Full PDB file with SEQRES, HELIX, SHEET, SSBOND, CRYST1, ORIGX, SCALE, CONECT and MASTER records, all heavy atoms in Angstrom:
SEQRES   1 A   36  ALA VAL PHE ASN ASN GLY TYR ILE GLU GLN VAL GLY ALA          
SEQRES   2 A   36  PRO TYR ASP ILE TYR ASN ARG SER GLU SER GLU PHE VAL          
SEQRES   3 A   36  CYS ASP PHE ILE GLY ASP ILE ASN ARG LEU                      
HELIX    1 AA1 PRO A   14  ASN A   19  1                                   6    
HELIX    2 AA2 GLU A   24  PHE A   29  1                                   6    
SHEET    1 AA1 2 VAL A   2  ASN A   4  0                                        
SHEET    2 AA1 2 TYR A   7  GLN A  10 -1                                        
CRYST1    1.000    1.000    1.000  90.00  90.00  90.00 P 1           1          
ORIGX1      1.000000  0.000000  0.000000        0.00000                         
ORIGX2      0.000000  1.000000  0.000000        0.00000                         
ORIGX3      0.000000  0.000000  1.000000        0.00000                         
SCALE1      1.000000  0.000000  0.000000        0.00000                         
SCALE2      0.000000  1.000000  0.000000        0.00000                         
SCALE3      0.000000  0.000000  1.000000        0.00000                         
ATOM      1  N   ALA A   1       4.965   3.512   7.202  1.00  0.00           N  
ATOM      2  CA  ALA A   1       5.772   3.594   5.986  1.00  0.00           C  
ATOM      3  C   ALA A   1       5.826   2.189   5.394  1.00  0.00           C  
ATOM      4  O   ALA A   1       6.264   1.245   6.064  1.00  0.00           O  
ATOM      5  CB  ALA A   1       7.178   4.098   6.284  1.00  0.00           C  
ATOM      6  N   VAL A   2       5.357   2.040   4.162  1.00  0.00           N  
ATOM      7  CA  VAL A   2       5.373   0.728   3.500  1.00  0.00           C  
ATOM      8  C   VAL A   2       6.646   0.622   2.669  1.00  0.00           C  
ATOM      9  O   VAL A   2       6.858   1.396   1.735  1.00  0.00           O  
ATOM     10  CB  VAL A   2       4.135   0.541   2.594  1.00  0.00           C  
ATOM     11  CG1 VAL A   2       4.154  -0.861   1.977  1.00  0.00           C  
ATOM     12  CG2 VAL A   2       2.851   0.745   3.394  1.00  0.00           C  
ATOM     13  N   PHE A   3       7.490  -0.346   3.050  1.00  0.00           N  
ATOM     14  CA  PHE A   3       8.785  -0.552   2.388  1.00  0.00           C  
ATOM     15  C   PHE A   3       8.677  -1.610   1.294  1.00  0.00           C  
ATOM     16  O   PHE A   3       7.937  -2.592   1.426  1.00  0.00           O  
ATOM     17  CB  PHE A   3       9.836  -1.029   3.398  1.00  0.00           C  
ATOM     18  CG  PHE A   3      10.454   0.052   4.229  1.00  0.00           C  
ATOM     19  CD1 PHE A   3       9.733   0.681   5.234  1.00  0.00           C  
ATOM     20  CD2 PHE A   3      11.769   0.448   4.023  1.00  0.00           C  
ATOM     21  CE1 PHE A   3      10.304   1.665   6.022  1.00  0.00           C  
ATOM     22  CE2 PHE A   3      12.348   1.444   4.797  1.00  0.00           C  
ATOM     23  CZ  PHE A   3      11.614   2.055   5.799  1.00  0.00           C  
ATOM     24  N   ASN A   4       9.468  -1.419   0.228  1.00  0.00           N  
ATOM     25  CA  ASN A   4       9.551  -2.400  -0.844  1.00  0.00           C  
ATOM     26  C   ASN A   4      10.920  -2.289  -1.500  1.00  0.00           C  
ATOM     27  O   ASN A   4      11.243  -1.251  -2.088  1.00  0.00           O  
ATOM     28  CB  ASN A   4       8.451  -2.159  -1.880  1.00  0.00           C  
ATOM     29  CG  ASN A   4       8.504  -3.141  -3.032  1.00  0.00           C  
ATOM     30  OD1 ASN A   4       8.959  -4.276  -2.894  1.00  0.00           O  
ATOM     31  ND2 ASN A   4       8.048  -2.712  -4.199  1.00  0.00           N  
ATOM     32  N   ASN A   5      11.745  -3.306  -1.341  1.00  0.00           N  
ATOM     33  CA  ASN A   5      13.072  -3.343  -1.981  1.00  0.00           C  
ATOM     34  C   ASN A   5      13.909  -2.100  -1.712  1.00  0.00           C  
ATOM     35  O   ASN A   5      14.524  -1.528  -2.619  1.00  0.00           O  
ATOM     36  CB  ASN A   5      12.930  -3.542  -3.498  1.00  0.00           C  
ATOM     37  CG  ASN A   5      12.445  -4.931  -3.863  1.00  0.00           C  
ATOM     38  OD1 ASN A   5      12.754  -5.897  -3.169  1.00  0.00           O  
ATOM     39  ND2 ASN A   5      11.677  -5.034  -4.918  1.00  0.00           N  
ATOM     40  N   GLY A   6      13.942  -1.673  -0.451  1.00  0.00           N  
ATOM     41  CA  GLY A   6      14.799  -0.564  -0.068  1.00  0.00           C  
ATOM     42  C   GLY A   6      14.208   0.813  -0.269  1.00  0.00           C  
ATOM     43  O   GLY A   6      14.829   1.815   0.078  1.00  0.00           O  
ATOM     44  N   TYR A   7      13.014   0.868  -0.841  1.00  0.00           N  
ATOM     45  CA  TYR A   7      12.312   2.137  -1.034  1.00  0.00           C  
ATOM     46  C   TYR A   7      11.082   2.200  -0.135  1.00  0.00           C  
ATOM     47  O   TYR A   7      10.533   1.168   0.258  1.00  0.00           O  
ATOM     48  CB  TYR A   7      11.821   2.282  -2.482  1.00  0.00           C  
ATOM     49  CG  TYR A   7      12.890   2.523  -3.509  1.00  0.00           C  
ATOM     50  CD1 TYR A   7      13.321   1.496  -4.346  1.00  0.00           C  
ATOM     51  CD2 TYR A   7      13.449   3.789  -3.672  1.00  0.00           C  
ATOM     52  CE1 TYR A   7      14.288   1.714  -5.316  1.00  0.00           C  
ATOM     53  CE2 TYR A   7      14.418   4.018  -4.645  1.00  0.00           C  
ATOM     54  CZ  TYR A   7      14.840   2.974  -5.467  1.00  0.00           C  
ATOM     55  OH  TYR A   7      15.798   3.198  -6.416  1.00  0.00           O  
ATOM     56  N   ILE A   8      10.628   3.410   0.140  1.00  0.00           N  
ATOM     57  CA  ILE A   8       9.322   3.587   0.777  1.00  0.00           C  
ATOM     58  C   ILE A   8       8.312   3.882  -0.321  1.00  0.00           C  
ATOM     59  O   ILE A   8       8.441   4.856  -1.053  1.00  0.00           O  
ATOM     60  CB  ILE A   8       9.348   4.718   1.819  1.00  0.00           C  
ATOM     61  CG1 ILE A   8      10.177   4.285   3.040  1.00  0.00           C  
ATOM     62  CG2 ILE A   8       7.930   5.080   2.257  1.00  0.00           C  
ATOM     63  CD1 ILE A   8      10.250   5.330   4.134  1.00  0.00           C  
ATOM     64  N   GLU A   9       7.314   3.015  -0.433  1.00  0.00           N  
ATOM     65  CA  GLU A   9       6.279   3.173  -1.455  1.00  0.00           C  
ATOM     66  C   GLU A   9       5.245   4.224  -1.046  1.00  0.00           C  
ATOM     67  O   GLU A   9       4.731   4.954  -1.896  1.00  0.00           O  
ATOM     68  CB  GLU A   9       5.568   1.832  -1.680  1.00  0.00           C  
ATOM     69  CG  GLU A   9       6.433   0.752  -2.289  1.00  0.00           C  
ATOM     70  CD  GLU A   9       6.290   0.689  -3.799  1.00  0.00           C  
ATOM     71  OE1 GLU A   9       5.355   1.304  -4.345  1.00  0.00           O  
ATOM     72  OE2 GLU A   9       7.132   0.018  -4.435  1.00  0.00           O  
ATOM     73  N   GLN A  10       4.919   4.269   0.257  1.00  0.00           N  
ATOM     74  CA  GLN A  10       3.908   5.214   0.722  1.00  0.00           C  
ATOM     75  C   GLN A  10       4.053   5.429   2.213  1.00  0.00           C  
ATOM     76  O   GLN A  10       4.382   4.508   2.964  1.00  0.00           O  
ATOM     77  CB  GLN A  10       2.497   4.696   0.408  1.00  0.00           C  
ATOM     78  CG  GLN A  10       1.376   5.667   0.764  1.00  0.00           C  
ATOM     79  CD  GLN A  10       0.000   5.171   0.327  1.00  0.00           C  
ATOM     80  OE1 GLN A  10      -0.123   4.175  -0.381  1.00  0.00           O  
ATOM     81  NE2 GLN A  10      -1.041   5.862   0.753  1.00  0.00           N  
ATOM     82  N   VAL A  11       3.809   6.659   2.659  1.00  0.00           N  
ATOM     83  CA  VAL A  11       3.738   6.990   4.088  1.00  0.00           C  
ATOM     84  C   VAL A  11       2.378   7.612   4.339  1.00  0.00           C  
ATOM     85  O   VAL A  11       1.941   8.501   3.607  1.00  0.00           O  
ATOM     86  CB  VAL A  11       4.843   7.993   4.493  1.00  0.00           C  
ATOM     87  CG1 VAL A  11       4.696   8.384   5.962  1.00  0.00           C  
ATOM     88  CG2 VAL A  11       6.228   7.410   4.239  1.00  0.00           C  
ATOM     89  N   GLY A  12       1.702   7.139   5.395  1.00  0.00           N  
ATOM     90  CA  GLY A  12       0.400   7.721   5.696  1.00  0.00           C  
ATOM     91  C   GLY A  12      -0.257   7.086   6.886  1.00  0.00           C  
ATOM     92  O   GLY A  12       0.249   6.108   7.457  1.00  0.00           O  
ATOM     93  N   ALA A  13      -1.396   7.630   7.278  1.00  0.00           N  
ATOM     94  CA  ALA A  13      -2.203   7.055   8.347  1.00  0.00           C  
ATOM     95  C   ALA A  13      -2.756   5.709   7.875  1.00  0.00           C  
ATOM     96  O   ALA A  13      -2.916   5.496   6.665  1.00  0.00           O  
ATOM     97  CB  ALA A  13      -3.342   7.997   8.705  1.00  0.00           C  
ATOM     98  N   PRO A  14      -3.054   4.792   8.802  1.00  0.00           N  
ATOM     99  CA  PRO A  14      -3.592   3.482   8.403  1.00  0.00           C  
ATOM    100  C   PRO A  14      -4.785   3.582   7.454  1.00  0.00           C  
ATOM    101  O   PRO A  14      -4.867   2.832   6.472  1.00  0.00           O  
ATOM    102  CB  PRO A  14      -3.985   2.851   9.744  1.00  0.00           C  
ATOM    103  CG  PRO A  14      -3.022   3.444  10.715  1.00  0.00           C  
ATOM    104  CD  PRO A  14      -2.820   4.859  10.260  1.00  0.00           C  
ATOM    105  N   TYR A  15      -5.696   4.525   7.715  1.00  0.00           N  
ATOM    106  CA  TYR A  15      -6.882   4.679   6.857  1.00  0.00           C  
ATOM    107  C   TYR A  15      -6.475   4.984   5.418  1.00  0.00           C  
ATOM    108  O   TYR A  15      -7.024   4.406   4.465  1.00  0.00           O  
ATOM    109  CB  TYR A  15      -7.764   5.803   7.408  1.00  0.00           C  
ATOM    110  CG  TYR A  15      -9.008   6.048   6.576  1.00  0.00           C  
ATOM    111  CD1 TYR A  15     -10.198   5.378   6.854  1.00  0.00           C  
ATOM    112  CD2 TYR A  15      -8.986   6.944   5.495  1.00  0.00           C  
ATOM    113  CE1 TYR A  15     -11.336   5.590   6.079  1.00  0.00           C  
ATOM    114  CE2 TYR A  15     -10.108   7.155   4.724  1.00  0.00           C  
ATOM    115  CZ  TYR A  15     -11.286   6.481   5.023  1.00  0.00           C  
ATOM    116  OH  TYR A  15     -12.399   6.680   4.249  1.00  0.00           O  
ATOM    117  N   ASP A  16      -5.512   5.878   5.254  1.00  0.00           N  
ATOM    118  CA  ASP A  16      -5.091   6.271   3.908  1.00  0.00           C  
ATOM    119  C   ASP A  16      -4.306   5.164   3.214  1.00  0.00           C  
ATOM    120  O   ASP A  16      -4.461   4.949   2.006  1.00  0.00           O  
ATOM    121  CB  ASP A  16      -4.253   7.551   3.968  1.00  0.00           C  
ATOM    122  CG  ASP A  16      -5.076   8.745   4.428  1.00  0.00           C  
ATOM    123  OD1 ASP A  16      -6.248   8.823   4.036  1.00  0.00           O  
ATOM    124  OD2 ASP A  16      -4.557   9.578   5.187  1.00  0.00           O  
ATOM    125  N   ILE A  17      -3.459   4.484   3.964  1.00  0.00           N  
ATOM    126  CA  ILE A  17      -2.695   3.373   3.387  1.00  0.00           C  
ATOM    127  C   ILE A  17      -3.650   2.315   2.848  1.00  0.00           C  
ATOM    128  O   ILE A  17      -3.456   1.770   1.752  1.00  0.00           O  
ATOM    129  CB  ILE A  17      -1.756   2.746   4.444  1.00  0.00           C  
ATOM    130  CG1 ILE A  17      -0.663   3.734   4.875  1.00  0.00           C  
ATOM    131  CG2 ILE A  17      -1.151   1.437   3.934  1.00  0.00           C  
ATOM    132  CD1 ILE A  17       0.401   3.989   3.845  1.00  0.00           C  
ATOM    133  N   TYR A  18      -4.704   2.037   3.585  1.00  0.00           N  
ATOM    134  CA  TYR A  18      -5.645   0.975   3.210  1.00  0.00           C  
ATOM    135  C   TYR A  18      -6.619   1.430   2.123  1.00  0.00           C  
ATOM    136  O   TYR A  18      -6.852   0.719   1.146  1.00  0.00           O  
ATOM    137  CB  TYR A  18      -6.443   0.532   4.445  1.00  0.00           C  
ATOM    138  CG  TYR A  18      -7.290  -0.703   4.221  1.00  0.00           C  
ATOM    139  CD1 TYR A  18      -6.737  -1.980   4.320  1.00  0.00           C  
ATOM    140  CD2 TYR A  18      -8.647  -0.604   3.923  1.00  0.00           C  
ATOM    141  CE1 TYR A  18      -7.501  -3.113   4.113  1.00  0.00           C  
ATOM    142  CE2 TYR A  18      -9.424  -1.723   3.712  1.00  0.00           C  
ATOM    143  CZ  TYR A  18      -8.846  -2.976   3.810  1.00  0.00           C  
ATOM    144  OH  TYR A  18      -9.609  -4.099   3.603  1.00  0.00           O  
ATOM    145  N   ASN A  19      -7.170   2.607   2.274  1.00  0.00           N  
ATOM    146  CA  ASN A  19      -8.232   3.063   1.373  1.00  0.00           C  
ATOM    147  C   ASN A  19      -7.750   3.918   0.212  1.00  0.00           C  
ATOM    148  O   ASN A  19      -8.463   4.064  -0.778  1.00  0.00           O  
ATOM    149  CB  ASN A  19      -9.271   3.864   2.164  1.00  0.00           C  
ATOM    150  CG  ASN A  19     -10.012   3.008   3.175  1.00  0.00           C  
ATOM    151  OD1 ASN A  19     -10.794   2.137   2.809  1.00  0.00           O  
ATOM    152  ND2 ASN A  19      -9.753   3.242   4.449  1.00  0.00           N  
ATOM    153  N   ARG A  20      -6.566   4.494   0.341  1.00  0.00           N  
ATOM    154  CA  ARG A  20      -6.039   5.362  -0.712  1.00  0.00           C  
ATOM    155  C   ARG A  20      -4.612   4.948  -1.060  1.00  0.00           C  
ATOM    156  O   ARG A  20      -3.690   5.766  -1.035  1.00  0.00           O  
ATOM    157  CB  ARG A  20      -6.074   6.827  -0.265  1.00  0.00           C  
ATOM    158  CG  ARG A  20      -7.494   7.321   0.018  1.00  0.00           C  
ATOM    159  CD  ARG A  20      -7.503   8.697   0.619  1.00  0.00           C  
ATOM    160  NE  ARG A  20      -8.852   9.106   0.987  1.00  0.00           N  
ATOM    161  CZ  ARG A  20      -9.153   9.860   2.033  1.00  0.00           C  
ATOM    162  NH1 ARG A  20      -8.191  10.299   2.837  1.00  0.00           N  
ATOM    163  NH2 ARG A  20     -10.405  10.193   2.292  1.00  0.00           N  
ATOM    164  N   SER A  21      -4.455   3.683  -1.345  1.00  0.00           N  
ATOM    165  CA  SER A  21      -3.133   3.162  -1.712  1.00  0.00           C  
ATOM    166  C   SER A  21      -2.599   3.909  -2.925  1.00  0.00           C  
ATOM    167  O   SER A  21      -3.336   4.190  -3.878  1.00  0.00           O  
ATOM    168  CB  SER A  21      -3.229   1.668  -2.030  1.00  0.00           C  
ATOM    169  OG  SER A  21      -3.749   0.954  -0.926  1.00  0.00           O  
ATOM    170  N   GLU A  22      -1.306   4.230  -2.891  1.00  0.00           N  
ATOM    171  CA  GLU A  22      -0.713   5.054  -3.951  1.00  0.00           C  
ATOM    172  C   GLU A  22       0.031   4.242  -5.003  1.00  0.00           C  
ATOM    173  O   GLU A  22       0.505   4.797  -5.988  1.00  0.00           O  
ATOM    174  CB  GLU A  22       0.234   6.085  -3.332  1.00  0.00           C  
ATOM    175  CG  GLU A  22      -0.495   7.140  -2.502  1.00  0.00           C  
ATOM    176  CD  GLU A  22       0.449   8.141  -1.865  1.00  0.00           C  
ATOM    177  OE1 GLU A  22       1.685   7.989  -2.022  1.00  0.00           O  
ATOM    178  OE2 GLU A  22      -0.047   9.073  -1.189  1.00  0.00           O  
ATOM    179  N   SER A  23       0.158   2.938  -4.773  1.00  0.00           N  
ATOM    180  CA  SER A  23       0.849   2.103  -5.763  1.00  0.00           C  
ATOM    181  C   SER A  23       0.249   0.709  -5.755  1.00  0.00           C  
ATOM    182  O   SER A  23      -0.425   0.305  -4.807  1.00  0.00           O  
ATOM    183  CB  SER A  23       2.349   2.017  -5.455  1.00  0.00           C  
ATOM    184  OG  SER A  23       2.576   1.233  -4.294  1.00  0.00           O  
ATOM    185  N   GLU A  24       0.505  -0.013  -6.825  1.00  0.00           N  
ATOM    186  CA  GLU A  24       0.009  -1.383  -6.932  1.00  0.00           C  
ATOM    187  C   GLU A  24       0.577  -2.256  -5.817  1.00  0.00           C  
ATOM    188  O   GLU A  24      -0.119  -3.103  -5.258  1.00  0.00           O  
ATOM    189  CB  GLU A  24       0.371  -1.957  -8.305  1.00  0.00           C  
ATOM    190  CG  GLU A  24      -0.168  -3.352  -8.552  1.00  0.00           C  
ATOM    191  CD  GLU A  24       0.059  -3.818  -9.980  1.00  0.00           C  
ATOM    192  OE1 GLU A  24      -0.018  -2.996 -10.907  1.00  0.00           O  
ATOM    193  OE2 GLU A  24       0.317  -5.030 -10.163  1.00  0.00           O  
ATOM    194  N   PHE A  25       1.846  -2.029  -5.465  1.00  0.00           N  
ATOM    195  CA  PHE A  25       2.463  -2.833  -4.412  1.00  0.00           C  
ATOM    196  C   PHE A  25       1.741  -2.637  -3.077  1.00  0.00           C  
ATOM    197  O   PHE A  25       1.412  -3.595  -2.389  1.00  0.00           O  
ATOM    198  CB  PHE A  25       3.945  -2.466  -4.246  1.00  0.00           C  
ATOM    199  CG  PHE A  25       4.600  -3.190  -3.099  1.00  0.00           C  
ATOM    200  CD1 PHE A  25       5.083  -4.474  -3.254  1.00  0.00           C  
ATOM    201  CD2 PHE A  25       4.703  -2.587  -1.852  1.00  0.00           C  
ATOM    202  CE1 PHE A  25       5.663  -5.159  -2.189  1.00  0.00           C  
ATOM    203  CE2 PHE A  25       5.277  -3.249  -0.785  1.00  0.00           C  
ATOM    204  CZ  PHE A  25       5.757  -4.549  -0.956  1.00  0.00           C  
ATOM    205  N   VAL A  26       1.500  -1.374  -2.699  1.00  0.00           N  
ATOM    206  CA  VAL A  26       0.829  -1.089  -1.424  1.00  0.00           C  
ATOM    207  C   VAL A  26      -0.577  -1.670  -1.428  1.00  0.00           C  
ATOM    208  O   VAL A  26      -1.007  -2.326  -0.471  1.00  0.00           O  
ATOM    209  CB  VAL A  26       0.759   0.434  -1.165  1.00  0.00           C  
ATOM    210  CG1 VAL A  26      -0.064   0.734   0.077  1.00  0.00           C  
ATOM    211  CG2 VAL A  26       2.166   0.996  -1.007  1.00  0.00           C  
ATOM    212  N   CYS A  27      -1.288  -1.454  -2.509  1.00  0.00           N  
ATOM    213  CA  CYS A  27      -2.652  -1.960  -2.647  1.00  0.00           C  
ATOM    214  C   CYS A  27      -2.700  -3.477  -2.481  1.00  0.00           C  
ATOM    215  O   CYS A  27      -3.553  -4.015  -1.777  1.00  0.00           O  
ATOM    216  CB  CYS A  27      -3.173  -1.562  -4.025  1.00  0.00           C  
ATOM    217  SG  CYS A  27      -4.806  -2.155  -4.405  1.00  0.00           S  
ATOM    218  N   ASP A  28      -1.756  -4.168  -3.095  1.00  0.00           N  
ATOM    219  CA  ASP A  28      -1.736  -5.631  -3.090  1.00  0.00           C  
ATOM    220  C   ASP A  28      -1.211  -6.186  -1.775  1.00  0.00           C  
ATOM    221  O   ASP A  28      -1.626  -7.260  -1.326  1.00  0.00           O  
ATOM    222  CB  ASP A  28      -0.862  -6.122  -4.254  1.00  0.00           C  
ATOM    223  CG  ASP A  28      -1.172  -7.558  -4.637  1.00  0.00           C  
ATOM    224  OD1 ASP A  28      -2.259  -8.039  -4.289  1.00  0.00           O  
ATOM    225  OD2 ASP A  28      -0.326  -8.193  -5.285  1.00  0.00           O  
ATOM    226  N   PHE A  29      -0.294  -5.447  -1.121  1.00  0.00           N  
ATOM    227  CA  PHE A  29       0.331  -5.948   0.111  1.00  0.00           C  
ATOM    228  C   PHE A  29      -0.576  -5.777   1.328  1.00  0.00           C  
ATOM    229  O   PHE A  29      -0.574  -6.594   2.240  1.00  0.00           O  
ATOM    230  CB  PHE A  29       1.662  -5.227   0.353  1.00  0.00           C  
ATOM    231  CG  PHE A  29       2.430  -5.774   1.528  1.00  0.00           C  
ATOM    232  CD1 PHE A  29       3.092  -6.988   1.432  1.00  0.00           C  
ATOM    233  CD2 PHE A  29       2.478  -5.089   2.729  1.00  0.00           C  
ATOM    234  CE1 PHE A  29       3.791  -7.512   2.518  1.00  0.00           C  
ATOM    235  CE2 PHE A  29       3.171  -5.592   3.818  1.00  0.00           C  
ATOM    236  CZ  PHE A  29       3.834  -6.808   3.703  1.00  0.00           C  
ATOM    237  N   ILE A  30      -1.357  -4.697   1.349  1.00  0.00           N  
ATOM    238  CA  ILE A  30      -2.199  -4.398   2.504  1.00  0.00           C  
ATOM    239  C   ILE A  30      -3.569  -5.039   2.338  1.00  0.00           C  
ATOM    240  O   ILE A  30      -4.322  -4.711   1.429  1.00  0.00           O  
ATOM    241  CB  ILE A  30      -2.385  -2.870   2.671  1.00  0.00           C  
ATOM    242  CG1 ILE A  30      -1.043  -2.176   2.827  1.00  0.00           C  
ATOM    243  CG2 ILE A  30      -3.293  -2.550   3.842  1.00  0.00           C  
ATOM    244  CD1 ILE A  30      -0.369  -2.402   4.141  1.00  0.00           C  
ATOM    245  N   GLY A  31      -3.911  -5.949   3.227  1.00  0.00           N  
ATOM    246  CA  GLY A  31      -5.244  -6.528   3.222  1.00  0.00           C  
ATOM    247  C   GLY A  31      -5.460  -7.543   2.116  1.00  0.00           C  
ATOM    248  O   GLY A  31      -4.549  -7.904   1.367  1.00  0.00           O  
ATOM    249  N   ASP A  32      -6.706  -8.007   1.998  1.00  0.00           N  
ATOM    250  CA  ASP A  32      -7.088  -9.004   1.005  1.00  0.00           C  
ATOM    251  C   ASP A  32      -7.684  -8.276  -0.191  1.00  0.00           C  
ATOM    252  O   ASP A  32      -8.570  -7.441  -0.039  1.00  0.00           O  
ATOM    253  CB  ASP A  32      -8.116  -9.968   1.629  1.00  0.00           C  
ATOM    254  CG  ASP A  32      -8.108 -11.319   0.939  1.00  0.00           C  
ATOM    255  OD1 ASP A  32      -7.430 -11.461  -0.100  1.00  0.00           O  
ATOM    256  OD2 ASP A  32      -8.797 -12.235   1.427  1.00  0.00           O  
ATOM    257  N   ILE A  33      -7.219  -8.610  -1.387  1.00  0.00           N  
ATOM    258  CA  ILE A  33      -7.551  -7.806  -2.566  1.00  0.00           C  
ATOM    259  C   ILE A  33      -7.996  -8.693  -3.724  1.00  0.00           C  
ATOM    260  O   ILE A  33      -7.590  -9.850  -3.825  1.00  0.00           O  
ATOM    261  CB  ILE A  33      -6.324  -6.951  -2.985  1.00  0.00           C  
ATOM    262  CG1 ILE A  33      -6.754  -5.741  -3.809  1.00  0.00           C  
ATOM    263  CG2 ILE A  33      -5.289  -7.773  -3.703  1.00  0.00           C  
ATOM    264  CD1 ILE A  33      -7.173  -4.578  -2.972  1.00  0.00           C  
ATOM    265  N   ASN A  34      -8.857  -8.156  -4.569  1.00  0.00           N  
ATOM    266  CA  ASN A  34      -9.222  -8.796  -5.831  1.00  0.00           C  
ATOM    267  C   ASN A  34      -8.563  -8.056  -6.982  1.00  0.00           C  
ATOM    268  O   ASN A  34      -8.470  -6.818  -6.973  1.00  0.00           O  
ATOM    269  CB  ASN A  34     -10.740  -8.727  -6.052  1.00  0.00           C  
ATOM    270  CG  ASN A  34     -11.490  -9.730  -5.213  1.00  0.00           C  
ATOM    271  OD1 ASN A  34     -11.299 -10.935  -5.332  1.00  0.00           O  
ATOM    272  ND2 ASN A  34     -12.365  -9.226  -4.347  1.00  0.00           N  
ATOM    273  N   ARG A  35      -8.134  -8.802  -7.972  1.00  0.00           N  
ATOM    274  CA  ARG A  35      -7.647  -8.220  -9.219  1.00  0.00           C  
ATOM    275  C   ARG A  35      -8.748  -8.373 -10.264  1.00  0.00           C  
ATOM    276  O   ARG A  35      -9.186  -9.490 -10.536  1.00  0.00           O  
ATOM    277  CB  ARG A  35      -6.377  -8.938  -9.692  1.00  0.00           C  
ATOM    278  CG  ARG A  35      -5.169  -8.695  -8.798  1.00  0.00           C  
ATOM    279  CD  ARG A  35      -4.001  -9.603  -9.181  1.00  0.00           C  
ATOM    280  NE  ARG A  35      -2.822  -9.262  -8.410  1.00  0.00           N  
ATOM    281  CZ  ARG A  35      -1.814  -8.528  -8.863  1.00  0.00           C  
ATOM    282  NH1 ARG A  35      -1.851  -8.063 -10.105  1.00  0.00           N  
ATOM    283  NH2 ARG A  35      -0.781  -8.245  -8.103  1.00  0.00           N  
ATOM    284  N   LEU A  36      -9.185  -7.259 -10.820  1.00  0.00           N  
ATOM    285  CA  LEU A  36     -10.225  -7.268 -11.842  1.00  0.00           C  
ATOM    286  C   LEU A  36      -9.579  -7.092 -13.214  1.00  0.00           C  
ATOM    287  O   LEU A  36      -8.878  -6.114 -13.456  1.00  0.00           O  
ATOM    288  CB  LEU A  36     -11.237  -6.145 -11.588  1.00  0.00           C  
ATOM    289  CG  LEU A  36     -11.888  -6.116 -10.199  1.00  0.00           C  
ATOM    290  CD1 LEU A  36     -12.849  -4.940 -10.095  1.00  0.00           C  
ATOM    291  CD2 LEU A  36     -12.607  -7.428  -9.902  1.00  0.00           C  
TER     292      LEU A  36                                                      
MASTER        0    0    0    2    2    0    0    6  291    1    0    3          
END                                                                             
């Protein structure tokens, strides 16, 4: 469960959290990322 300011942004298996991030926060917080 990825927490952000008292909310849960996403719940899922590690593979889904990393490869199928559901929000900009989760995408940016998990792993190393590029902004295009």
